[in-house]
Amino acid sequence: MAEEKSEPIEEVTSVEEKPKPTKKVSAAEEPFEPIIVGFLCNWCTYTAADLAGTTRMQYPPNIRPIRTMCSGSVDPVYVIRALLSGADGVLVGGCHPGDCHYVSGNYKARRKMTILKTILNTLALDDDRVWLKWISAAEGRKFADTATAFTEELKKQGPNPVKKYWST
């Protein structure tokens, strides 16, 4: 048998344009967007966040919500862990005092957050990165305003300094 010579196959190119190289933006040029962990009461604040979303109220997308059954169930260790894990702020949201579905959960949350802020001050950490807010289910606008105000406050403060020194 005679050997056949094959001709090289031409490379087929796509009709799409090749992607143009993008200019790399340094971290210093990017605007700081804070990460906020939100421990939200299922019955009030989480429902208010849902109301704000379904009524298309504008607020920053910086909050990472965690639904809890009651703000009183939020242990201060959870808040500290969120800050050590890189969150720039923590929002604990619950029912208004006297309106808790679990009778006294929000009073417990208030005591826990007061103690936590004392601990943060003792450790020379910024206690302004932790907010406790009472937002009922019907207060979607208040949730949106709180999210906006907290985001703006954290932008003024800058990134959480703890995350530079602690890795979890």
N, C-alpha and C. Protein backbone atom coordinates (compact mmCIF):
# COMPACT_ATOMS: atom_id res chain seq x y z
N MET A 1 0.82 -1.19 0.00
CA MET A 1 0.00 0.00 0.00
C MET A 1 0.86 1.24 0.00
N ALA A 2 0.45 2.13 -0.75
CA ALA A 2 1.18 3.39 -0.83
C ALA A 2 0.70 4.31 0.28
N GLU A 3 1.69 5.00 0.86
CA GLU A 3 1.35 5.94 1.91
C GLU A 3 0.76 7.20 1.33
N GLU A 4 -0.34 7.61 1.94
CA GLU A 4 -0.96 8.86 1.47
C GLU A 4 -0.44 10.01 2.29
N LYS A 5 -0.17 11.08 1.62
CA LYS A 5 0.26 12.28 2.33
C LYS A 5 -0.98 13.10 2.64
N SER A 6 -1.10 13.43 3.89
CA SER A 6 -2.25 14.27 4.25
C SER A 6 -1.82 15.72 4.33
N GLU A 7 -2.69 16.55 3.94
CA GLU A 7 -2.39 17.97 3.98
C GLU A 7 -2.78 18.50 5.35
N PRO A 8 -2.04 19.47 5.82
CA PRO A 8 -2.37 20.02 7.14
C PRO A 8 -3.77 20.64 7.12
N ILE A 9 -4.46 20.42 8.20
CA ILE A 9 -5.81 20.97 8.33
C ILE A 9 -5.69 22.40 8.82
N GLU A 10 -6.43 23.27 8.18
CA GLU A 10 -6.40 24.67 8.60
C GLU A 10 -7.14 24.82 9.91
N GLU A 11 -6.63 25.68 10.75
CA GLU A 11 -7.27 25.92 12.02
C GLU A 11 -8.49 26.80 11.79
N VAL A 12 -9.60 26.34 12.30
CA VAL A 12 -10.83 27.09 12.15
C VAL A 12 -10.90 28.10 13.29
N THR A 13 -11.14 29.32 12.91
CA THR A 13 -11.26 30.35 13.94
C THR A 13 -12.71 30.73 14.11
N SER A 14 -13.01 31.18 15.27
CA SER A 14 -14.37 31.57 15.60
C SER A 14 -14.69 32.91 14.96
N VAL A 15 -15.95 33.12 14.69
CA VAL A 15 -16.35 34.41 14.13
C VAL A 15 -16.44 35.48 15.21
N GLU A 16 -16.43 35.01 16.47
CA GLU A 16 -16.47 35.98 17.56
C GLU A 16 -15.10 36.61 17.73
N GLU A 17 -15.12 37.83 18.21
CA GLU A 17 -13.85 38.51 18.46
C GLU A 17 -13.21 37.90 19.70
N LYS A 18 -11.91 37.90 19.68
CA LYS A 18 -11.19 37.43 20.85
C LYS A 18 -11.34 38.48 21.95
N PRO A 19 -11.45 38.02 23.19
CA PRO A 19 -11.61 39.00 24.27
C PRO A 19 -10.40 39.90 24.39
N LYS A 20 -10.70 41.16 24.58
CA LYS A 20 -9.62 42.13 24.74
C LYS A 20 -9.15 42.09 26.18
N PRO A 21 -7.87 42.26 26.37
CA PRO A 21 -7.38 42.25 27.75
C PRO A 21 -7.99 43.41 28.53
N THR A 22 -8.41 43.10 29.75
CA THR A 22 -9.01 44.15 30.57
C THR A 22 -7.94 44.77 31.45
N LYS A 23 -8.17 46.01 31.75
CA LYS A 23 -7.24 46.72 32.62
C LYS A 23 -7.45 46.23 34.04
N LYS A 24 -6.39 45.80 34.67
CA LYS A 24 -6.50 45.33 36.04
C LYS A 24 -6.60 46.54 36.96
N VAL A 25 -7.58 46.46 37.83
CA VAL A 25 -7.80 47.55 38.78
C VAL A 25 -7.23 47.10 40.11
N SER A 26 -6.41 47.93 40.69
CA SER A 26 -5.82 47.57 41.97
C SER A 26 -6.87 47.73 43.07
N ALA A 27 -6.60 47.09 44.19
CA ALA A 27 -7.54 47.13 45.30
C ALA A 27 -7.72 48.56 45.82
N ALA A 28 -6.69 49.38 45.67
CA ALA A 28 -6.78 50.75 46.14
C ALA A 28 -7.74 51.58 45.29
N GLU A 29 -7.90 51.21 44.02
CA GLU A 29 -8.78 51.97 43.13
C GLU A 29 -10.24 51.56 43.27
N GLU A 30 -10.51 50.33 43.72
CA GLU A 30 -11.89 49.86 43.86
C GLU A 30 -12.52 50.50 45.09
N PRO A 31 -13.77 50.92 44.98
CA PRO A 31 -14.42 51.48 46.17
C PRO A 31 -14.69 50.37 47.19
N PHE A 32 -14.55 50.71 48.45
CA PHE A 32 -14.75 49.73 49.53
C PHE A 32 -16.24 49.46 49.69
N GLU A 33 -16.61 48.20 49.63
CA GLU A 33 -17.98 47.75 49.86
C GLU A 33 -17.97 46.85 51.08
N PRO A 34 -18.56 47.30 52.19
CA PRO A 34 -18.52 46.50 53.41
C PRO A 34 -19.38 45.23 53.33
N ILE A 35 -18.97 44.24 54.06
CA ILE A 35 -19.73 43.00 54.19
C ILE A 35 -20.41 43.05 55.56
N ILE A 36 -21.73 42.93 55.56
CA ILE A 36 -22.49 42.99 56.80
C ILE A 36 -23.20 41.65 56.98
N VAL A 37 -23.00 41.04 58.13
CA VAL A 37 -23.73 39.82 58.48
C VAL A 37 -24.93 40.26 59.31
N GLY A 38 -26.11 39.85 58.88
CA GLY A 38 -27.32 40.22 59.59
C GLY A 38 -27.97 39.01 60.25
N PHE A 39 -28.06 39.03 61.58
CA PHE A 39 -28.80 38.01 62.31
C PHE A 39 -30.20 38.59 62.51
N LEU A 40 -31.15 38.10 61.73
CA LEU A 40 -32.48 38.70 61.68
C LEU A 40 -33.53 37.77 62.27
N CYS A 41 -34.36 38.33 63.15
CA CYS A 41 -35.48 37.61 63.76
C CYS A 41 -36.45 37.16 62.67
N ASN A 42 -36.85 35.90 62.70
CA ASN A 42 -37.74 35.33 61.70
C ASN A 42 -39.08 36.07 61.63
N TRP A 43 -39.59 36.48 62.77
CA TRP A 43 -40.95 37.01 62.83
C TRP A 43 -41.04 38.48 62.49
N CYS A 44 -39.98 39.23 62.69
CA CYS A 44 -40.08 40.67 62.45
C CYS A 44 -39.05 41.18 61.43
N THR A 45 -37.79 41.23 61.80
CA THR A 45 -36.80 41.87 60.94
C THR A 45 -36.61 41.13 59.62
N TYR A 46 -36.60 39.81 59.66
CA TYR A 46 -36.46 39.06 58.40
C TYR A 46 -37.67 39.30 57.50
N THR A 47 -38.85 39.38 58.10
CA THR A 47 -40.06 39.66 57.34
C THR A 47 -40.03 41.08 56.80
N ALA A 48 -39.48 42.01 57.57
CA ALA A 48 -39.34 43.39 57.08
C ALA A 48 -38.37 43.45 55.90
N ALA A 49 -37.29 42.65 55.95
CA ALA A 49 -36.35 42.59 54.82
C ALA A 49 -37.05 42.02 53.59
N ASP A 50 -37.89 41.02 53.81
CA ASP A 50 -38.66 40.44 52.71
C ASP A 50 -39.64 41.48 52.14
N LEU A 51 -40.27 42.24 53.01
CA LEU A 51 -41.19 43.28 52.57
C LEU A 51 -40.46 44.35 51.76
N ALA A 52 -39.29 44.74 52.23
CA ALA A 52 -38.49 45.75 51.51
C ALA A 52 -38.13 45.23 50.12
N GLY A 53 -37.81 43.96 50.02
CA GLY A 53 -37.46 43.38 48.73
C GLY A 53 -38.64 43.24 47.80
N THR A 54 -39.77 42.77 48.33
CA THR A 54 -40.93 42.54 47.46
C THR A 54 -41.57 43.85 47.01
N THR A 55 -41.41 44.91 47.79
CA THR A 55 -41.94 46.21 47.37
C THR A 55 -40.90 47.03 46.60
N ARG A 56 -39.78 46.39 46.30
CA ARG A 56 -38.72 46.97 45.48
C ARG A 56 -38.12 48.26 46.04
N MET A 57 -37.98 48.30 47.36
CA MET A 57 -37.31 49.44 47.99
C MET A 57 -35.82 49.31 47.72
N GLN A 58 -35.18 50.41 47.47
CA GLN A 58 -33.75 50.40 47.15
C GLN A 58 -32.92 50.46 48.43
N TYR A 59 -32.04 49.49 48.59
CA TYR A 59 -31.06 49.52 49.67
C TYR A 59 -29.85 48.71 49.23
N PRO A 60 -28.69 48.97 49.81
CA PRO A 60 -27.47 48.30 49.37
C PRO A 60 -27.53 46.78 49.58
N PRO A 61 -26.91 46.02 48.70
CA PRO A 61 -26.93 44.55 48.82
C PRO A 61 -25.82 44.01 49.71
N ASN A 62 -25.38 44.79 50.67
CA ASN A 62 -24.23 44.41 51.49
C ASN A 62 -24.56 43.45 52.62
N ILE A 63 -25.83 43.32 52.98
CA ILE A 63 -26.20 42.48 54.11
C ILE A 63 -26.32 41.02 53.68
N ARG A 64 -25.67 40.14 54.44
CA ARG A 64 -25.79 38.69 54.25
C ARG A 64 -26.71 38.21 55.36
N PRO A 65 -28.01 38.00 55.06
CA PRO A 65 -28.95 37.68 56.14
C PRO A 65 -28.85 36.25 56.64
N ILE A 66 -28.96 36.11 57.94
CA ILE A 66 -29.05 34.81 58.59
C ILE A 66 -30.33 34.84 59.41
N ARG A 67 -31.26 33.97 59.06
CA ARG A 67 -32.55 33.95 59.76
C ARG A 67 -32.40 33.20 61.08
N THR A 68 -32.80 33.86 62.15
CA THR A 68 -32.84 33.22 63.46
C THR A 68 -34.29 33.25 63.93
N MET A 69 -34.67 32.35 64.77
CA MET A 69 -36.05 32.33 65.25
C MET A 69 -36.33 33.51 66.17
N CYS A 70 -35.29 33.99 66.85
CA CYS A 70 -35.46 35.11 67.77
C CYS A 70 -34.11 35.81 67.93
N SER A 71 -34.15 37.13 68.08
CA SER A 71 -32.90 37.85 68.28
C SER A 71 -32.25 37.45 69.61
N GLY A 72 -33.04 36.96 70.55
CA GLY A 72 -32.50 36.49 71.81
C GLY A 72 -31.66 35.24 71.68
N SER A 73 -31.80 34.54 70.56
CA SER A 73 -31.01 33.32 70.35
C SER A 73 -29.63 33.60 69.75
N VAL A 74 -29.34 34.85 69.45
CA VAL A 74 -28.04 35.21 68.87
C VAL A 74 -27.02 35.30 70.00
N ASP A 75 -26.10 34.37 70.00
CA ASP A 75 -25.04 34.35 71.00
C ASP A 75 -23.97 35.36 70.61
N PRO A 76 -23.42 36.10 71.56
CA PRO A 76 -22.34 37.03 71.24
C PRO A 76 -21.15 36.37 70.53
N VAL A 77 -20.95 35.09 70.76
CA VAL A 77 -19.87 34.37 70.09
C VAL A 77 -20.09 34.36 68.58
N TYR A 78 -21.36 34.28 68.16
CA TYR A 78 -21.67 34.32 66.72
C TYR A 78 -21.24 35.65 66.13
N VAL A 79 -21.47 36.72 66.86
CA VAL A 79 -21.13 38.06 66.38
C VAL A 79 -19.61 38.21 66.29
N ILE A 80 -18.92 37.77 67.34
CA ILE A 80 -17.46 37.85 67.33
C ILE A 80 -16.89 37.00 66.20
N ARG A 81 -17.46 35.82 66.01
CA ARG A 81 -16.98 34.92 64.94
C ARG A 81 -17.16 35.58 63.56
N ALA A 82 -18.29 36.26 63.37
CA ALA A 82 -18.52 36.94 62.09
C ALA A 82 -17.48 38.04 61.87
N LEU A 83 -17.17 38.80 62.90
CA LEU A 83 -16.17 39.86 62.77
C LEU A 83 -14.77 39.29 62.52
N LEU A 84 -14.44 38.20 63.21
CA LEU A 84 -13.13 37.57 63.01
C LEU A 84 -13.03 36.90 61.65
N SER A 85 -14.15 36.50 61.09
CA SER A 85 -14.16 35.84 59.79
C SER A 85 -14.14 36.81 58.62
N GLY A 86 -14.12 38.10 58.91
CA GLY A 86 -13.98 39.06 57.84
C GLY A 86 -15.15 39.99 57.60
N ALA A 87 -16.21 39.85 58.37
CA ALA A 87 -17.34 40.78 58.21
C ALA A 87 -16.91 42.16 58.70
N ASP A 88 -17.37 43.18 58.00
CA ASP A 88 -17.04 44.55 58.40
C ASP A 88 -18.02 45.07 59.44
N GLY A 89 -19.18 44.45 59.54
CA GLY A 89 -20.18 44.84 60.52
C GLY A 89 -21.18 43.73 60.73
N VAL A 90 -21.88 43.80 61.86
CA VAL A 90 -22.92 42.82 62.19
C VAL A 90 -24.17 43.57 62.62
N LEU A 91 -25.28 43.21 62.01
CA LEU A 91 -26.58 43.78 62.37
C LEU A 91 -27.41 42.69 63.03
N VAL A 92 -27.87 42.95 64.25
CA VAL A 92 -28.79 42.04 64.92
C VAL A 92 -30.13 42.74 64.93
N GLY A 93 -31.12 42.12 64.31
CA GLY A 93 -32.44 42.73 64.22
C GLY A 93 -33.47 41.89 64.90
N GLY A 94 -34.37 42.55 65.66
CA GLY A 94 -35.40 41.82 66.37
C GLY A 94 -36.69 42.59 66.46
N CYS A 95 -37.67 41.97 67.11
CA CYS A 95 -38.97 42.60 67.34
C CYS A 95 -38.81 43.76 68.33
N HIS A 96 -39.74 44.67 68.29
CA HIS A 96 -39.72 45.77 69.25
C HIS A 96 -39.90 45.21 70.67
N PRO A 97 -39.28 45.86 71.67
CA PRO A 97 -39.44 45.39 73.05
C PRO A 97 -40.93 45.32 73.43
N GLY A 98 -41.29 44.21 74.06
CA GLY A 98 -42.67 43.99 74.43
C GLY A 98 -43.50 43.33 73.35
N ASP A 99 -42.91 43.12 72.17
CA ASP A 99 -43.64 42.56 71.04
C ASP A 99 -43.02 41.26 70.53
N CYS A 100 -42.17 40.64 71.35
CA CYS A 100 -41.46 39.43 70.94
C CYS A 100 -42.40 38.24 70.92
N HIS A 101 -42.31 37.41 69.90
CA HIS A 101 -43.12 36.20 69.80
C HIS A 101 -42.73 35.18 70.86
N TYR A 102 -41.55 35.34 71.43
CA TYR A 102 -41.09 34.44 72.48
C TYR A 102 -41.04 35.18 73.83
N VAL A 103 -41.89 36.13 74.00
CA VAL A 103 -42.14 36.91 75.21
C VAL A 103 -40.98 37.86 75.57
N SER A 104 -39.81 37.33 75.91
CA SER A 104 -38.74 38.20 76.39
C SER A 104 -37.44 38.06 75.61
N GLY A 105 -37.49 37.49 74.42
CA GLY A 105 -36.26 37.25 73.65
C GLY A 105 -35.51 38.51 73.30
N ASN A 106 -36.24 39.58 72.95
CA ASN A 106 -35.54 40.80 72.56
C ASN A 106 -34.88 41.48 73.77
N TYR A 107 -35.45 41.30 74.96
CA TYR A 107 -34.79 41.83 76.16
C TYR A 107 -33.48 41.10 76.41
N LYS A 108 -33.49 39.78 76.16
CA LYS A 108 -32.27 38.99 76.29
C LYS A 108 -31.23 39.44 75.26
N ALA A 109 -31.70 39.71 74.04
CA ALA A 109 -30.79 40.18 72.99
C ALA A 109 -30.16 41.51 73.38
N ARG A 110 -30.96 42.39 73.94
CA ARG A 110 -30.43 43.70 74.35
C ARG A 110 -29.35 43.54 75.42
N ARG A 111 -29.60 42.67 76.41
CA ARG A 111 -28.59 42.43 77.46
C ARG A 111 -27.32 41.83 76.87
N LYS A 112 -27.48 40.84 75.98
CA LYS A 112 -26.32 40.19 75.37
C LYS A 112 -25.49 41.18 74.55
N MET A 113 -26.14 42.03 73.78
CA MET A 113 -25.41 42.97 72.94
C MET A 113 -24.73 44.06 73.78
N THR A 114 -25.34 44.44 74.91
CA THR A 114 -24.70 45.41 75.82
C THR A 114 -23.43 44.81 76.39
N ILE A 115 -23.50 43.56 76.81
CA ILE A 115 -22.32 42.88 77.34
C ILE A 115 -21.27 42.72 76.24
N LEU A 116 -21.71 42.35 75.04
CA LEU A 116 -20.77 42.19 73.92
C LEU A 116 -20.04 43.49 73.62
N LYS A 117 -20.76 44.61 73.61
CA LYS A 117 -20.11 45.89 73.32
C LYS A 117 -19.09 46.24 74.40
N THR A 118 -19.39 45.89 75.65
CA THR A 118 -18.43 46.10 76.73
C THR A 118 -17.17 45.26 76.50
N ILE A 119 -17.37 44.02 76.09
CA ILE A 119 -16.22 43.13 75.80
C ILE A 119 -15.41 43.69 74.64
N LEU A 120 -16.08 44.13 73.57
CA LEU A 120 -15.36 44.69 72.42
C LEU A 120 -14.55 45.92 72.82
N ASN A 121 -15.13 46.79 73.65
CA ASN A 121 -14.39 47.97 74.11
C ASN A 121 -13.20 47.57 74.97
N THR A 122 -13.36 46.55 75.80
CA THR A 122 -12.27 46.08 76.65
C THR A 122 -11.11 45.56 75.80
N LEU A 123 -11.45 44.93 74.68
CA LEU A 123 -10.42 44.40 73.78
C LEU A 123 -9.91 45.44 72.79
N ALA A 124 -10.33 46.69 72.96
CA ALA A 124 -9.95 47.79 72.07
C ALA A 124 -10.42 47.57 70.64
N LEU A 125 -11.59 46.92 70.50
CA LEU A 125 -12.20 46.73 69.18
C LEU A 125 -13.35 47.71 69.04
N ASP A 126 -13.68 48.03 67.81
CA ASP A 126 -14.69 49.03 67.53
C ASP A 126 -16.09 48.46 67.72
N ASP A 127 -16.80 48.93 68.76
CA ASP A 127 -18.15 48.41 69.02
C ASP A 127 -19.20 49.04 68.10
N ASP A 128 -18.83 50.04 67.33
CA ASP A 128 -19.76 50.64 66.37
C ASP A 128 -19.98 49.75 65.15
N ARG A 129 -19.26 48.67 65.06
CA ARG A 129 -19.44 47.72 63.95
C ARG A 129 -20.55 46.71 64.25
N VAL A 130 -21.15 46.81 65.42
CA VAL A 130 -22.25 45.93 65.81
C VAL A 130 -23.46 46.81 66.12
N TRP A 131 -24.55 46.59 65.39
CA TRP A 131 -25.78 47.35 65.61
C TRP A 131 -26.88 46.40 66.03
N LEU A 132 -27.69 46.84 66.98
CA LEU A 132 -28.89 46.14 67.39
C LEU A 132 -30.07 47.05 67.06
N LYS A 133 -30.98 46.57 66.24
CA LYS A 133 -32.12 47.39 65.80
C LYS A 133 -33.42 46.62 65.98
N TRP A 134 -34.45 47.35 66.39
CA TRP A 134 -35.78 46.77 66.50
C TRP A 134 -36.56 47.18 65.27
N ILE A 135 -36.92 46.20 64.44
CA ILE A 135 -37.63 46.46 63.19
C ILE A 135 -38.77 45.45 63.08
N SER A 136 -40.01 45.95 63.07
CA SER A 136 -41.16 45.04 63.00
C SER A 136 -41.40 44.58 61.56
N ALA A 137 -42.29 43.62 61.41
CA ALA A 137 -42.56 43.03 60.10
C ALA A 137 -43.12 44.05 59.11
N ALA A 138 -43.81 45.06 59.61
CA ALA A 138 -44.43 46.06 58.73
C ALA A 138 -43.49 47.21 58.38
N GLU A 139 -42.27 47.18 58.89
CA GLU A 139 -41.35 48.30 58.70
C GLU A 139 -40.28 48.00 57.64
N GLY A 140 -40.71 47.71 56.44
CA GLY A 140 -39.79 47.46 55.35
C GLY A 140 -38.92 48.67 55.05
N ARG A 141 -39.52 49.87 55.10
CA ARG A 141 -38.77 51.11 54.85
C ARG A 141 -37.70 51.30 55.92
N LYS A 142 -38.03 50.99 57.17
CA LYS A 142 -37.04 51.14 58.24
C LYS A 142 -35.87 50.17 58.04
N PHE A 143 -36.17 48.95 57.57
CA PHE A 143 -35.09 48.01 57.29
C PHE A 143 -34.18 48.55 56.19
N ALA A 144 -34.79 49.05 55.11
CA ALA A 144 -34.00 49.59 54.00
C ALA A 144 -33.16 50.79 54.46
N ASP A 145 -33.75 51.65 55.27
CA ASP A 145 -33.01 52.81 55.78
C ASP A 145 -31.87 52.40 56.71
N THR A 146 -32.13 51.38 57.54
CA THR A 146 -31.09 50.87 58.44
C THR A 146 -29.94 50.26 57.65
N ALA A 147 -30.26 49.47 56.63
CA ALA A 147 -29.22 48.86 55.79
C ALA A 147 -28.39 49.93 55.11
N THR A 148 -29.05 50.97 54.61
CA THR A 148 -28.33 52.05 53.94
C THR A 148 -27.44 52.81 54.92
N ALA A 149 -28.00 53.16 56.09
CA ALA A 149 -27.23 53.92 57.09
C ALA A 149 -26.04 53.11 57.59
N PHE A 150 -26.23 51.81 57.84
CA PHE A 150 -25.14 50.99 58.35
C PHE A 150 -24.05 50.83 57.29
N THR A 151 -24.45 50.66 56.05
CA THR A 151 -23.47 50.54 54.97
C THR A 151 -22.65 51.82 54.85
N GLU A 152 -23.32 52.96 54.89
CA GLU A 152 -22.61 54.25 54.79
C GLU A 152 -21.68 54.46 55.97
N GLU A 153 -22.13 54.09 57.16
CA GLU A 153 -21.29 54.23 58.36
C GLU A 153 -20.03 53.36 58.23
N LEU A 154 -20.19 52.13 57.75
CA LEU A 154 -19.04 51.25 57.60
C LEU A 154 -18.11 51.71 56.49
N LYS A 155 -18.65 52.34 55.46
CA LYS A 155 -17.79 52.89 54.40
C LYS A 155 -16.91 54.01 54.97
N LYS A 156 -17.46 54.81 55.88
CA LYS A 156 -16.67 55.87 56.52
C LYS A 156 -15.57 55.27 57.40
N GLN A 157 -15.90 54.18 58.10
CA GLN A 157 -14.93 53.55 59.00
C GLN A 157 -13.85 52.76 58.25
N GLY A 158 -14.20 52.27 57.08
CA GLY A 158 -13.25 51.47 56.30
C GLY A 158 -13.35 50.00 56.67
N PRO A 159 -12.47 49.18 56.08
CA PRO A 159 -12.51 47.74 56.33
C PRO A 159 -12.25 47.40 57.79
N ASN A 160 -12.79 46.27 58.20
CA ASN A 160 -12.60 45.79 59.56
C ASN A 160 -11.11 45.50 59.77
N PRO A 161 -10.45 46.20 60.72
CA PRO A 161 -9.01 45.99 60.91
C PRO A 161 -8.67 44.61 61.47
N VAL A 162 -9.61 43.94 62.10
CA VAL A 162 -9.35 42.64 62.71
C VAL A 162 -9.03 41.59 61.66
N LYS A 163 -9.65 41.68 60.49
CA LYS A 163 -9.45 40.62 59.49
C LYS A 163 -8.04 40.58 58.92
N LYS A 164 -7.26 41.66 59.12
CA LYS A 164 -5.87 41.64 58.69
C LYS A 164 -5.02 40.73 59.58
N TYR A 165 -5.41 40.67 60.86
CA TYR A 165 -4.58 39.99 61.83
C TYR A 165 -5.09 38.62 62.25
N TRP A 166 -6.31 38.29 61.85
CA TRP A 166 -6.92 37.05 62.30
C TRP A 166 -7.48 36.32 61.10
N SER A 167 -7.17 35.04 60.97
CA SER A 167 -7.78 34.28 59.88
C SER A 167 -8.45 33.06 60.46
N THR A 168 -9.66 32.83 59.99
CA THR A 168 -10.41 31.67 60.50
C THR A 168 -10.68 30.72 59.35
